[in-house]
Amino acid sequence: EGEIDIVAKHKDSLVFVEVRTKTSLEFGSPEESITPTKKERMRATAFHYRQTHNDLPLLWRIDFVAVELNQEGKPSRIELIENAVGEG
């Protein structure tokens, strides 16, 4: 189906997390690398996961973690964007 980097529970919600890391902003930020097609694929993957696993929270959402690395490969920015794609 697809790939989700992290599946976690937060309070009463199931959270699917996509982590995007960039070493250069030449082609945009980590957030900008998530295309509408990728968002739709993530929704489909989250739906499939929910259909194939029992006893999951009714509420769910898809978050992004944007990571920018400096020239030494160390994080210069880490940002959690909750409900970046939408929730169910």
PDB file of N, CA and C in Angstrom:
ATOM      1  N   GLU A   1       0.829  -1.191   0.000  1.00  0.00           N
ATOM      2  CA  GLU A   1       0.000   0.000   0.000  1.00  0.00           C
ATOM      3  C   GLU A   1       0.871   1.251   0.000  1.00  0.00           C
ATOM      4  N   GLY A   2       1.402   1.597   1.158  1.00  0.00           N
ATOM      5  CA  GLY A   2       2.199   2.807   1.275  1.00  0.00           C
ATOM      6  C   GLY A   2       3.085   2.707   2.498  1.00  0.00           C
ATOM      7  N   GLU A   3       3.644   3.822   2.865  1.00  0.00           N
ATOM      8  CA  GLU A   3       4.592   3.836   3.978  1.00  0.00           C
ATOM      9  C   GLU A   3       4.265   4.997   4.898  1.00  0.00           C
ATOM     10  N   ILE A   4       4.266   4.718   6.195  1.00  0.00           N
ATOM     11  CA  ILE A   4       4.119   5.746   7.224  1.00  0.00           C
ATOM     12  C   ILE A   4       5.339   5.601   8.122  1.00  0.00           C
ATOM     13  N   ASP A   5       6.010   6.705   8.420  1.00  0.00           N
ATOM     14  CA  ASP A   5       7.240   6.632   9.209  1.00  0.00           C
ATOM     15  C   ASP A   5       6.992   6.242  10.661  1.00  0.00           C
ATOM     16  N   ILE A   6       5.975   6.823  11.281  1.00  0.00           N
ATOM     17  CA  ILE A   6       5.690   6.560  12.694  1.00  0.00           C
ATOM     18  C   ILE A   6       4.184   6.419  12.873  1.00  0.00           C
ATOM     19  N   VAL A   7       3.782   5.419  13.653  1.00  0.00           N
ATOM     20  CA  VAL A   7       2.389   5.277  14.077  1.00  0.00           C
ATOM     21  C   VAL A   7       2.405   5.317  15.597  1.00  0.00           C
ATOM     22  N   ALA A   8       1.633   6.250  16.171  1.00  0.00           N
ATOM     23  CA  ALA A   8       1.662   6.436  17.625  1.00  0.00           C
ATOM     24  C   ALA A   8       0.268   6.788  18.132  1.00  0.00           C
ATOM     25  N   LYS A   9       0.118   6.722  19.449  1.00  0.00           N
ATOM     26  CA  LYS A   9      -1.109   7.194  20.087  1.00  0.00           C
ATOM     27  C   LYS A   9      -0.783   8.468  20.853  1.00  0.00           C
ATOM     28  N   HIS A  10      -1.656   9.465  20.728  1.00  0.00           N
ATOM     29  CA  HIS A  10      -1.532  10.706  21.491  1.00  0.00           C
ATOM     30  C   HIS A  10      -2.905  11.016  22.065  1.00  0.00           C
ATOM     31  N   LYS A  11      -3.002  10.951  23.379  1.00  0.00           N
ATOM     32  CA  LYS A  11      -4.284  11.130  24.069  1.00  0.00           C
ATOM     33  C   LYS A  11      -5.277  10.119  23.504  1.00  0.00           C
ATOM     34  N   ASP A  12      -6.374  10.596  22.927  1.00  0.00           N
ATOM     35  CA  ASP A  12      -7.405   9.687  22.413  1.00  0.00           C
ATOM     36  C   ASP A  12      -7.326   9.493  20.903  1.00  0.00           C
ATOM     37  N   SER A  13      -6.185   9.813  20.306  1.00  0.00           N
ATOM     38  CA  SER A  13      -6.067   9.741  18.849  1.00  0.00           C
ATOM     39  C   SER A  13      -4.934   8.824  18.413  1.00  0.00           C
ATOM     40  N   LEU A  14      -5.143   8.205  17.270  1.00  0.00           N
ATOM     41  CA  LEU A  14      -4.082   7.477  16.585  1.00  0.00           C
ATOM     42  C   LEU A  14      -3.408   8.486  15.660  1.00  0.00           C
ATOM     43  N   VAL A  15      -2.085   8.546  15.698  1.00  0.00           N
ATOM     44  CA  VAL A  15      -1.360   9.559  14.926  1.00  0.00           C
ATOM     45  C   VAL A  15      -0.397   8.876  13.961  1.00  0.00           C
ATOM     46  N   PHE A  16      -0.540   9.199  12.690  1.00  0.00           N
ATOM     47  CA  PHE A  16       0.376   8.753  11.649  1.00  0.00           C
ATOM     48  C   PHE A  16       1.310   9.926  11.376  1.00  0.00           C
ATOM     49  N   VAL A  17       2.621   9.666  11.379  1.00  0.00           N
ATOM     50  CA  VAL A  17       3.588  10.755  11.263  1.00  0.00           C
ATOM     51  C   VAL A  17       4.504  10.518  10.068  1.00  0.00           C
ATOM     52  N   GLU A  18       4.601  11.525   9.228  1.00  0.00           N
ATOM     53  CA  GLU A  18       5.541  11.534   8.108  1.00  0.00           C
ATOM     54  C   GLU A  18       6.698  12.443   8.488  1.00  0.00           C
ATOM     55  N   VAL A  19       7.923  11.937   8.416  1.00  0.00           N
ATOM     56  CA  VAL A  19       9.110  12.724   8.733  1.00  0.00           C
ATOM     57  C   VAL A  19       9.809  13.074   7.424  1.00  0.00           C
ATOM     58  N   ARG A  20      10.041  14.366   7.216  1.00  0.00           N
ATOM     59  CA  ARG A  20      10.739  14.820   6.017  1.00  0.00           C
ATOM     60  C   ARG A  20      11.987  15.578   6.429  1.00  0.00           C
ATOM     61  N   THR A  21      13.126  15.166   5.886  1.00  0.00           N
ATOM     62  CA  THR A  21      14.404  15.785   6.219  1.00  0.00           C
ATOM     63  C   THR A  21      15.018  16.386   4.966  1.00  0.00           C
ATOM     64  N   LYS A  22      15.529  17.605   5.098  1.00  0.00           N
ATOM     65  CA  LYS A  22      16.188  18.279   3.981  1.00  0.00           C
ATOM     66  C   LYS A  22      17.550  18.772   4.436  1.00  0.00           C
ATOM     67  N   THR A  23      18.526  18.630   3.563  1.00  0.00           N
ATOM     68  CA  THR A  23      19.860  19.158   3.845  1.00  0.00           C
ATOM     69  C   THR A  23      20.078  20.491   3.140  1.00  0.00           C
ATOM     70  N   SER A  24      19.152  20.842   2.244  1.00  0.00           N
ATOM     71  CA  SER A  24      19.237  22.100   1.510  1.00  0.00           C
ATOM     72  C   SER A  24      17.822  22.577   1.235  1.00  0.00           C
ATOM     73  N   LEU A  25      17.622  23.883   1.261  1.00  0.00           N
ATOM     74  CA  LEU A  25      16.307  24.439   0.947  1.00  0.00           C
ATOM     75  C   LEU A  25      16.227  24.871  -0.517  1.00  0.00           C
ATOM     76  N   GLU A  26      17.212  24.443  -1.299  1.00  0.00           N
ATOM     77  CA  GLU A  26      17.271  24.816  -2.711  1.00  0.00           C
ATOM     78  C   GLU A  26      15.989  24.436  -3.446  1.00  0.00           C
ATOM     79  N   PHE A  27      15.420  23.298  -3.102  1.00  0.00           N
ATOM     80  CA  PHE A  27      14.200  22.841  -3.768  1.00  0.00           C
ATOM     81  C   PHE A  27      12.995  22.926  -2.848  1.00  0.00           C
ATOM     82  N   GLY A  28      13.047  23.798  -1.848  1.00  0.00           N
ATOM     83  CA  GLY A  28      11.917  23.997  -0.954  1.00  0.00           C
ATOM     84  C   GLY A  28      12.144  23.384   0.416  1.00  0.00           C
ATOM     85  N   SER A  29      11.228  23.706   1.304  1.00  0.00           N
ATOM     86  CA  SER A  29      11.300  23.232   2.683  1.00  0.00           C
ATOM     87  C   SER A  29      10.823  21.789   2.770  1.00  0.00           C
ATOM     88  N   PRO A  30      11.058  21.144   3.904  1.00  0.00           N
ATOM     89  CA  PRO A  30      10.539  19.781   4.067  1.00  0.00           C
ATOM     90  C   PRO A  30       9.022  19.720   3.866  1.00  0.00           C
ATOM     91  N   GLU A  31       8.313  20.727   4.371  1.00  0.00           N
ATOM     92  CA  GLU A  31       6.854  20.745   4.224  1.00  0.00           C
ATOM     93  C   GLU A  31       6.436  20.828   2.763  1.00  0.00           C
ATOM     94  N   GLU A  32       7.187  21.595   1.987  1.00  0.00           N
ATOM     95  CA  GLU A  32       6.847  21.770   0.574  1.00  0.00           C
ATOM     96  C   GLU A  32       7.084  20.507  -0.247  1.00  0.00           C
ATOM     97  N   SER A  33       7.819  19.551   0.312  1.00  0.00           N
ATOM     98  CA  SER A  33       8.087  18.313  -0.428  1.00  0.00           C
ATOM     99  C   SER A  33       6.920  17.335  -0.362  1.00  0.00           C
ATOM    100  N   ILE A  34       5.904  17.655   0.420  1.00  0.00           N
ATOM    101  CA  ILE A  34       4.723  16.796   0.513  1.00  0.00           C
ATOM    102  C   ILE A  34       3.718  17.258  -0.540  1.00  0.00           C
ATOM    103  N   THR A  35       3.639  16.523  -1.617  1.00  0.00           N
ATOM    104  CA  THR A  35       2.751  16.871  -2.726  1.00  0.00           C
ATOM    105  C   THR A  35       1.321  16.421  -2.431  1.00  0.00           C
ATOM    106  N   PRO A  36       0.339  16.963  -3.146  1.00  0.00           N
ATOM    107  CA  PRO A  36      -1.037  16.479  -2.979  1.00  0.00           C
ATOM    108  C   PRO A  36      -1.155  14.970  -3.215  1.00  0.00           C
ATOM    109  N   THR A  37      -0.392  14.443  -4.161  1.00  0.00           N
ATOM    110  CA  THR A  37      -0.406  12.997  -4.413  1.00  0.00           C
ATOM    111  C   THR A  37       0.110  12.234  -3.204  1.00  0.00           C
ATOM    112  N   LYS A  38       1.192  12.713  -2.592  1.00  0.00           N
ATOM    113  CA  LYS A  38       1.746  12.073  -1.394  1.00  0.00           C
ATOM    114  C   LYS A  38       0.745  12.137  -0.247  1.00  0.00           C
ATOM    115  N   LYS A  39       0.069  13.274  -0.086  1.00  0.00           N
ATOM    116  CA  LYS A  39      -0.942  13.402   0.971  1.00  0.00           C
ATOM    117  C   LYS A  39      -2.059  12.380   0.782  1.00  0.00           C
ATOM    118  N   GLU A  40      -2.502  12.232  -0.455  1.00  0.00           N
ATOM    119  CA  GLU A  40      -3.581  11.274  -0.728  1.00  0.00           C
ATOM    120  C   GLU A  40      -3.112   9.848  -0.461  1.00  0.00           C
ATOM    121  N   ARG A  41      -1.869   9.532  -0.826  1.00  0.00           N
ATOM    122  CA  ARG A  41      -1.304   8.211  -0.558  1.00  0.00           C
ATOM    123  C   ARG A  41      -1.223   7.950   0.948  1.00  0.00           C
ATOM    124  N   MET A  42      -0.860   8.982   1.698  1.00  0.00           N
ATOM    125  CA  MET A  42      -0.783   8.842   3.154  1.00  0.00           C
ATOM    126  C   MET A  42      -2.167   8.589   3.751  1.00  0.00           C
ATOM    127  N   ARG A  43      -3.178   9.309   3.257  1.00  0.00           N
ATOM    128  CA  ARG A  43      -4.550   9.068   3.728  1.00  0.00           C
ATOM    129  C   ARG A  43      -4.964   7.621   3.446  1.00  0.00           C
ATOM    130  N   ALA A  44      -4.666   7.145   2.244  1.00  0.00           N
ATOM    131  CA  ALA A  44      -5.032   5.777   1.871  1.00  0.00           C
ATOM    132  C   ALA A  44      -4.301   4.765   2.742  1.00  0.00           C
ATOM    133  N   THR A  45      -3.028   5.005   3.029  1.00  0.00           N
ATOM    134  CA  THR A  45      -2.252   4.101   3.871  1.00  0.00           C
ATOM    135  C   THR A  45      -2.792   4.096   5.293  1.00  0.00           C
ATOM    136  N   ALA A  46      -3.133   5.270   5.813  1.00  0.00           N
ATOM    137  CA  ALA A  46      -3.711   5.358   7.161  1.00  0.00           C
ATOM    138  C   ALA A  46      -5.042   4.611   7.214  1.00  0.00           C
ATOM    139  N   PHE A  47      -5.864   4.773   6.194  1.00  0.00           N
ATOM    140  CA  PHE A  47      -7.149   4.076   6.143  1.00  0.00           C
ATOM    141  C   PHE A  47      -6.932   2.562   6.124  1.00  0.00           C
ATOM    142  N   HIS A  48      -5.988   2.109   5.300  1.00  0.00           N
ATOM    143  CA  HIS A  48      -5.691   0.675   5.217  1.00  0.00           C
ATOM    144  C   HIS A  48      -5.200   0.149   6.568  1.00  0.00           C
ATOM    145  N   TYR A  49      -4.336   0.894   7.222  1.00  0.00           N
ATOM    146  CA  TYR A  49      -3.823   0.486   8.537  1.00  0.00           C
ATOM    147  C   TYR A  49      -4.981   0.326   9.516  1.00  0.00           C
ATOM    148  N   ARG A  50      -5.890   1.294   9.519  1.00  0.00           N
ATOM    149  CA  ARG A  50      -7.034   1.231  10.437  1.00  0.00           C
ATOM    150  C   ARG A  50      -7.935   0.042  10.120  1.00  0.00           C
ATOM    151  N   GLN A  51      -8.056  -0.304   8.859  1.00  0.00           N
ATOM    152  CA  GLN A  51      -8.909  -1.430   8.462  1.00  0.00           C
ATOM    153  C   GLN A  51      -8.302  -2.771   8.856  1.00  0.00           C
ATOM    154  N   THR A  52      -6.985  -2.830   8.989  1.00  0.00           N
ATOM    155  CA  THR A  52      -6.319  -4.114   9.235  1.00  0.00           C
ATOM    156  C   THR A  52      -5.838  -4.295  10.669  1.00  0.00           C
ATOM    157  N   HIS A  53      -6.115  -3.328  11.551  1.00  0.00           N
ATOM    158  CA  HIS A  53      -5.731  -3.430  12.961  1.00  0.00           C
ATOM    159  C   HIS A  53      -6.956  -3.185  13.839  1.00  0.00           C
ATOM    160  N   ASN A  54      -7.096  -4.008  14.859  1.00  0.00           N
ATOM    161  CA  ASN A  54      -8.240  -3.897  15.763  1.00  0.00           C
ATOM    162  C   ASN A  54      -7.909  -3.021  16.962  1.00  0.00           C
ATOM    163  N   ASP A  55      -8.947  -2.630  17.676  1.00  0.00           N
ATOM    164  CA  ASP A  55      -8.819  -1.910  18.949  1.00  0.00           C
ATOM    165  C   ASP A  55      -8.022  -0.616  18.835  1.00  0.00           C
ATOM    166  N   LEU A  56      -8.247   0.142  17.791  1.00  0.00           N
ATOM    167  CA  LEU A  56      -7.574   1.433  17.624  1.00  0.00           C
ATOM    168  C   LEU A  56      -8.517   2.561  18.035  1.00  0.00           C
ATOM    169  N   PRO A  57      -7.965   3.691  18.457  1.00  0.00           N
ATOM    170  CA  PRO A  57      -8.824   4.836  18.776  1.00  0.00           C
ATOM    171  C   PRO A  57      -9.656   5.245  17.557  1.00  0.00           C
ATOM    172  N   LEU A  58     -10.841   5.767  17.814  1.00  0.00           N
ATOM    173  CA  LEU A  58     -11.698   6.211  16.716  1.00  0.00           C
ATOM    174  C   LEU A  58     -11.131   7.444  16.019  1.00  0.00           C
ATOM    175  N   LEU A  59     -10.555   8.343  16.804  1.00  0.00           N
ATOM    176  CA  LEU A  59      -9.988   9.563  16.229  1.00  0.00           C
ATOM    177  C   LEU A  59      -8.593   9.292  15.684  1.00  0.00           C
ATOM    178  N   TRP A  60      -8.263   9.953  14.584  1.00  0.00           N
ATOM    179  CA  TRP A  60      -6.927   9.804  14.022  1.00  0.00           C
ATOM    180  C   TRP A  60      -6.565  11.069  13.256  1.00  0.00           C
ATOM    181  N   ARG A  61      -5.261  11.235  13.033  1.00  0.00           N
ATOM    182  CA  ARG A  61      -4.777  12.374  12.261  1.00  0.00           C
ATOM    183  C   ARG A  61      -3.429  12.013  11.637  1.00  0.00           C
ATOM    184  N   ILE A  62      -3.008  12.842  10.695  1.00  0.00           N
ATOM    185  CA  ILE A  62      -1.700  12.680  10.069  1.00  0.00           C
ATOM    186  C   ILE A  62      -0.891  13.946  10.339  1.00  0.00           C
ATOM    187  N   ASP A  63       0.262  13.773  10.974  1.00  0.00           N
ATOM    188  CA  ASP A  63       1.166  14.874  11.300  1.00  0.00           C
ATOM    189  C   ASP A  63       2.415  14.790  10.431  1.00  0.00           C
ATOM    190  N   PHE A  64       3.132  15.907  10.337  1.00  0.00           N
ATOM    191  CA  PHE A  64       4.443  15.945   9.692  1.00  0.00           C
ATOM    192  C   PHE A  64       5.473  16.394  10.706  1.00  0.00           C
ATOM    193  N   VAL A  65       6.668  15.863  10.579  1.00  0.00           N
ATOM    194  CA  VAL A  65       7.820  16.403  11.287  1.00  0.00           C
ATOM    195  C   VAL A  65       8.780  16.884  10.210  1.00  0.00           C
ATOM    196  N   ALA A  66       9.044  18.187  10.232  1.00  0.00           N
ATOM    197  CA  ALA A  66       9.966  18.798   9.276  1.00  0.00           C
ATOM    198  C   ALA A  66      11.328  18.937   9.942  1.00  0.00           C
ATOM    199  N   VAL A  67      12.357  18.392   9.293  1.00  0.00           N
ATOM    200  CA  VAL A  67      13.714  18.452   9.832  1.00  0.00           C
ATOM    201  C   VAL A  67      14.615  19.089   8.780  1.00  0.00           C
ATOM    202  N   GLU A  68      15.333  20.127   9.196  1.00  0.00           N
ATOM    203  CA  GLU A  68      16.336  20.742   8.331  1.00  0.00           C
ATOM    204  C   GLU A  68      17.696  20.517   8.972  1.00  0.00           C
ATOM    205  N   LEU A  69      18.647  20.037   8.165  1.00  0.00           N
ATOM    206  CA  LEU A  69      20.002  19.778   8.652  1.00  0.00           C
ATOM    207  C   LEU A  69      20.947  20.850   8.133  1.00  0.00           C
ATOM    208  N   ASN A  70      21.912  21.235   8.972  1.00  0.00           N
ATOM    209  CA  ASN A  70      22.917  22.199   8.530  1.00  0.00           C
ATOM    210  C   ASN A  70      24.014  21.476   7.748  1.00  0.00           C
ATOM    211  N   GLN A  71      25.045  22.190   7.363  1.00  0.00           N
ATOM    212  CA  GLN A  71      26.108  21.606   6.534  1.00  0.00           C
ATOM    213  C   GLN A  71      26.873  20.506   7.249  1.00  0.00           C
ATOM    214  N   GLU A  72      26.844  20.514   8.572  1.00  0.00           N
ATOM    215  CA  GLU A  72      27.514  19.459   9.344  1.00  0.00           C
ATOM    216  C   GLU A  72      26.605  18.249   9.560  1.00  0.00           C
ATOM    217  N   GLY A  73      25.379  18.321   9.038  1.00  0.00           N
ATOM    218  CA  GLY A  73      24.442  17.218   9.197  1.00  0.00           C
ATOM    219  C   GLY A  73      23.709  17.223  10.522  1.00  0.00           C
ATOM    220  N   LYS A  74      23.782  18.337  11.236  1.00  0.00           N
ATOM    221  CA  LYS A  74      23.092  18.450  12.521  1.00  0.00           C
ATOM    222  C   LYS A  74      21.787  19.214  12.329  1.00  0.00           C
ATOM    223  N   PRO A  75      20.755  18.857  13.098  1.00  0.00           N
ATOM    224  CA  PRO A  75      19.465  19.539  12.940  1.00  0.00           C
ATOM    225  C   PRO A  75      19.560  21.029  13.256  1.00  0.00           C
ATOM    226  N   SER A  76      19.095  21.847  12.332  1.00  0.00           N
ATOM    227  CA  SER A  76      18.996  23.282  12.573  1.00  0.00           C
ATOM    228  C   SER A  76      17.547  23.679  12.839  1.00  0.00           C
ATOM    229  N   ARG A  77      16.616  22.797  12.465  1.00  0.00           N
ATOM    230  CA  ARG A  77      15.191  23.032  12.739  1.00  0.00           C
ATOM    231  C   ARG A  77      14.472  21.694  12.773  1.00  0.00           C
ATOM    232  N   ILE A  78      13.664  21.513  13.793  1.00  0.00           N
ATOM    233  CA  ILE A  78      12.765  20.361  13.885  1.00  0.00           C
ATOM    234  C   ILE A  78      11.411  20.921  14.283  1.00  0.00           C
ATOM    235  N   GLU A  79      10.401  20.672  13.464  1.00  0.00           N
ATOM    236  CA  GLU A  79       9.077  21.223  13.740  1.00  0.00           C
ATOM    237  C   GLU A  79       8.010  20.158  13.538  1.00  0.00           C
ATOM    238  N   LEU A  80       7.128  20.032  14.518  1.00  0.00           N
ATOM    239  CA  LEU A  80       5.972  19.142  14.422  1.00  0.00           C
ATOM    240  C   LEU A  80       4.792  19.953  13.916  1.00  0.00           C
ATOM    241  N   ILE A  81       4.175  19.475  12.856  1.00  0.00           N
ATOM    242  CA  ILE A  81       2.993  20.117  12.296  1.00  0.00           C
ATOM    243  C   ILE A  81       1.839  19.138  12.469  1.00  0.00           C
ATOM    244  N   GLU A  82       1.011  19.402  13.475  1.00  0.00           N
ATOM    245  CA  GLU A  82      -0.092  18.494  13.773  1.00  0.00           C
ATOM    246  C   GLU A  82      -1.209  18.651  12.751  1.00  0.00           C
ATOM    247  N   ASN A  83      -1.851  17.526  12.448  1.00  0.00           N
ATOM    248  CA  ASN A  83      -2.998  17.495  11.548  1.00  0.00           C
ATOM    249  C   ASN A  83      -2.681  18.156  10.205  1.00  0.00           C
ATOM    250  N   ALA A  84      -1.509  17.853   9.672  1.00  0.00           N
ATOM    251  CA  ALA A  84      -1.044  18.481   8.439  1.00  0.00           C
ATOM    252  C   ALA A  84      -1.823  18.022   7.209  1.00  0.00           C
ATOM    253  N   VAL A  85      -2.365  16.829   7.251  1.00  0.00           N
ATOM    254  CA  VAL A  85      -3.109  16.303   6.112  1.00  0.00           C
ATOM    255  C   VAL A  85      -4.598  16.296   6.403  1.00  0.00           C
ATOM    256  N   GLY A  86      -4.950  16.060   7.626  1.00  0.00           N
ATOM    257  CA  GLY A  86      -6.351  15.979   7.999  1.00  0.00           C
ATOM    258  C   GLY A  86      -6.549  14.881   9.010  1.00  0.00           C
ATOM    259  N   GLU A  87      -7.732  14.850   9.548  1.00  0.00           N
ATOM    260  CA  GLU A  87      -8.014  13.837  10.558  1.00  0.00           C
ATOM    261  C   GLU A  87      -9.318  13.152  10.234  1.00  0.00           C
ATOM    262  N   GLY A  88      -9.514  12.012  10.872  1.00  0.00           N
ATOM    263  CA  GLY A  88     -10.734  11.256  10.638  1.00  0.00           C
ATOM    264  C   GLY A  88     -11.654  11.315  11.809  1.00  0.00           C
TER     265      GLY A  88
END
